[in-house]
Amino acid sequence: MAQTNINIRMDEELKKQFDAFCSDVGMSMTTAFCIFAKTVVRQHRIPFEISTDSDPFYSPANIERLKRSAAQMEKNGGTVHEIGAIEDND
């Protein structure tokens, strides 16, 4: 089968991270892109969900719920803890 070249532009840091991932799983970036292309052609769709939604934690509904919870905690009492790194004492 004849081969052809494709040029892809992407953020330099993203390329480094993607290359490292591919290396970790034992494939080249070329192989990863070929797998993606073959899957798209076979399934006639992008093989993963694409969404404009950001992290649901930061959704307006969840932020409002968190604010209500914080207000209830301040009103009724409770202990507020800062989120920080968990230390391993082993």
C-alpha atoms as a PDB file:
ATOM      1  CA  MET A   1       0.000   0.000   0.000  1.00  0.00           C
ATOM      2  CA  ALA A   2       1.340   3.434  -0.919  1.00  0.00           C
ATOM      3  CA  GLN A   3       2.303   5.704   1.954  1.00  0.00           C
ATOM      4  CA  THR A   4       1.822   9.461   2.232  1.00  0.00           C
ATOM      5  CA  ASN A   5       2.924  12.181   4.668  1.00  0.00           C
ATOM      6  CA  ILE A   6       0.719  14.424   6.776  1.00  0.00           C
ATOM      7  CA  ASN A   7       1.896  17.561   8.574  1.00  0.00           C
ATOM      8  CA  ILE A   8       0.119  18.417  11.834  1.00  0.00           C
ATOM      9  CA  ARG A   9       0.577  21.596  13.817  1.00  0.00           C
ATOM     10  CA  MET A  10       0.059  21.484  17.570  1.00  0.00           C
ATOM     11  CA  ASP A  11       1.261  23.112  20.746  1.00  0.00           C
ATOM     12  CA  GLU A  12       4.859  22.119  21.492  1.00  0.00           C
ATOM     13  CA  GLU A  13       4.101  21.047  25.067  1.00  0.00           C
ATOM     14  CA  LEU A  14       1.123  18.960  23.917  1.00  0.00           C
ATOM     15  CA  LYS A  15       3.373  17.240  21.362  1.00  0.00           C
ATOM     16  CA  LYS A  16       5.915  16.401  24.063  1.00  0.00           C
ATOM     17  CA  GLN A  17       3.220  15.003  26.348  1.00  0.00           C
ATOM     18  CA  PHE A  18       1.613  13.010  23.526  1.00  0.00           C
ATOM     19  CA  ASP A  19       4.974  11.643  22.411  1.00  0.00           C
ATOM     20  CA  ALA A  20       5.752  10.599  25.999  1.00  0.00           C
ATOM     21  CA  PHE A  21       2.378   8.858  26.295  1.00  0.00           C
ATOM     22  CA  CYS A  22       2.866   7.024  23.009  1.00  0.00           C
ATOM     23  CA  SER A  23       6.319   5.950  24.132  1.00  0.00           C
ATOM     24  CA  ASP A  24       4.920   4.708  27.460  1.00  0.00           C
ATOM     25  CA  VAL A  25       2.385   2.478  25.674  1.00  0.00           C
ATOM     26  CA  GLY A  26       4.950   1.250  23.140  1.00  0.00           C
ATOM     27  CA  MET A  27       3.909   3.019  19.974  1.00  0.00           C
ATOM     28  CA  SER A  28       4.958   5.960  17.864  1.00  0.00           C
ATOM     29  CA  MET A  29       2.842   9.049  17.336  1.00  0.00           C
ATOM     30  CA  THR A  30       2.432   7.936  13.710  1.00  0.00           C
ATOM     31  CA  THR A  31       0.953   4.619  14.871  1.00  0.00           C
ATOM     32  CA  ALA A  32      -1.398   6.429  17.285  1.00  0.00           C
ATOM     33  CA  PHE A  33      -2.656   8.761  14.550  1.00  0.00           C
ATOM     34  CA  CYS A  34      -3.099   5.813  12.132  1.00  0.00           C
ATOM     35  CA  ILE A  35      -5.124   3.933  14.768  1.00  0.00           C
ATOM     36  CA  PHE A  36      -7.279   7.033  15.228  1.00  0.00           C
ATOM     37  CA  ALA A  37      -7.797   7.453  11.460  1.00  0.00           C
ATOM     38  CA  LYS A  38      -8.630   3.766  10.926  1.00  0.00           C
ATOM     39  CA  THR A  39     -11.138   3.838  13.794  1.00  0.00           C
ATOM     40  CA  VAL A  40     -12.817   6.984  12.424  1.00  0.00           C
ATOM     41  CA  VAL A  41     -13.130   5.426   8.964  1.00  0.00           C
ATOM     42  CA  ARG A  42     -14.387   2.090  10.316  1.00  0.00           C
ATOM     43  CA  GLN A  43     -16.944   3.588  12.734  1.00  0.00           C
ATOM     44  CA  HIS A  44     -17.834   6.691  10.687  1.00  0.00           C
ATOM     45  CA  ARG A  45     -17.521   8.808  13.815  1.00  0.00           C
ATOM     46  CA  ILE A  46     -14.975  10.322  16.170  1.00  0.00           C
ATOM     47  CA  PRO A  47     -14.264   7.412  18.567  1.00  0.00           C
ATOM     48  CA  PHE A  48     -14.711   9.477  21.716  1.00  0.00           C
ATOM     49  CA  GLU A  49     -17.090  12.115  23.010  1.00  0.00           C
ATOM     50  CA  ILE A  50     -16.392  15.695  21.991  1.00  0.00           C
ATOM     51  CA  SER A  51     -18.089  18.284  24.140  1.00  0.00           C
ATOM     52  CA  THR A  52     -17.981  21.994  24.761  1.00  0.00           C
ATOM     53  CA  ASP A  53     -18.846  21.322  28.384  1.00  0.00           C
ATOM     54  CA  SER A  54     -16.046  21.964  30.770  1.00  0.00           C
ATOM     55  CA  ASP A  55     -15.446  20.116  34.020  1.00  0.00           C
ATOM     56  CA  PRO A  56     -18.896  19.581  35.620  1.00  0.00           C
ATOM     57  CA  PHE A  57     -17.427  20.518  38.994  1.00  0.00           C
ATOM     58  CA  TYR A  58     -17.252  24.126  37.778  1.00  0.00           C
ATOM     59  CA  SER A  59     -20.754  24.181  36.279  1.00  0.00           C
ATOM     60  CA  PRO A  60     -22.995  27.048  37.445  1.00  0.00           C
ATOM     61  CA  ALA A  61     -25.377  24.555  39.100  1.00  0.00           C
ATOM     62  CA  ASN A  62     -22.610  22.899  41.110  1.00  0.00           C
ATOM     63  CA  ILE A  63     -21.021  26.218  42.115  1.00  0.00           C
ATOM     64  CA  GLU A  64     -24.435  27.364  43.382  1.00  0.00           C
ATOM     65  CA  ARG A  65     -24.850  24.102  45.329  1.00  0.00           C
ATOM     66  CA  LEU A  66     -21.407  24.541  46.886  1.00  0.00           C
ATOM     67  CA  LYS A  67     -22.238  28.112  47.900  1.00  0.00           C
ATOM     68  CA  ARG A  68     -25.491  26.957  49.535  1.00  0.00           C
ATOM     69  CA  SER A  69     -23.644  24.184  51.365  1.00  0.00           C
ATOM     70  CA  ALA A  70     -20.989  26.613  52.607  1.00  0.00           C
ATOM     71  CA  ALA A  71     -23.633  29.081  53.767  1.00  0.00           C
ATOM     72  CA  GLN A  72     -25.524  26.315  55.589  1.00  0.00           C
ATOM     73  CA  MET A  73     -22.313  25.172  57.228  1.00  0.00           C
ATOM     74  CA  GLU A  74     -21.496  28.711  58.391  1.00  0.00           C
ATOM     75  CA  LYS A  75     -25.044  29.178  59.722  1.00  0.00           C
ATOM     76  CA  ASN A  76     -25.307  25.821  61.526  1.00  0.00           C
ATOM     77  CA  GLY A  77     -21.692  25.428  62.498  1.00  0.00           C
ATOM     78  CA  GLY A  78     -19.135  23.015  61.265  1.00  0.00           C
ATOM     79  CA  THR A  79     -15.473  22.785  60.545  1.00  0.00           C
ATOM     80  CA  VAL A  80     -13.966  24.038  57.330  1.00  0.00           C
ATOM     81  CA  HIS A  81     -10.864  22.185  56.223  1.00  0.00           C
ATOM     82  CA  GLU A  82      -8.390  23.397  53.666  1.00  0.00           C
ATOM     83  CA  ILE A  83      -7.677  20.925  50.912  1.00  0.00           C
ATOM     84  CA  GLY A  84      -4.020  20.094  50.774  1.00  0.00           C
ATOM     85  CA  ALA A  85      -1.603  17.359  49.956  1.00  0.00           C
ATOM     86  CA  ILE A  86      -1.958  14.139  51.887  1.00  0.00           C
ATOM     87  CA  GLU A  87       1.271  13.175  53.556  1.00  0.00           C
ATOM     88  CA  ASP A  88       2.317   9.548  53.604  1.00  0.00           C
ATOM     89  CA  ASN A  89       3.732   8.759  57.031  1.00  0.00           C
ATOM     90  CA  ASP A  90       5.028   5.296  56.083  1.00  0.00           C
END
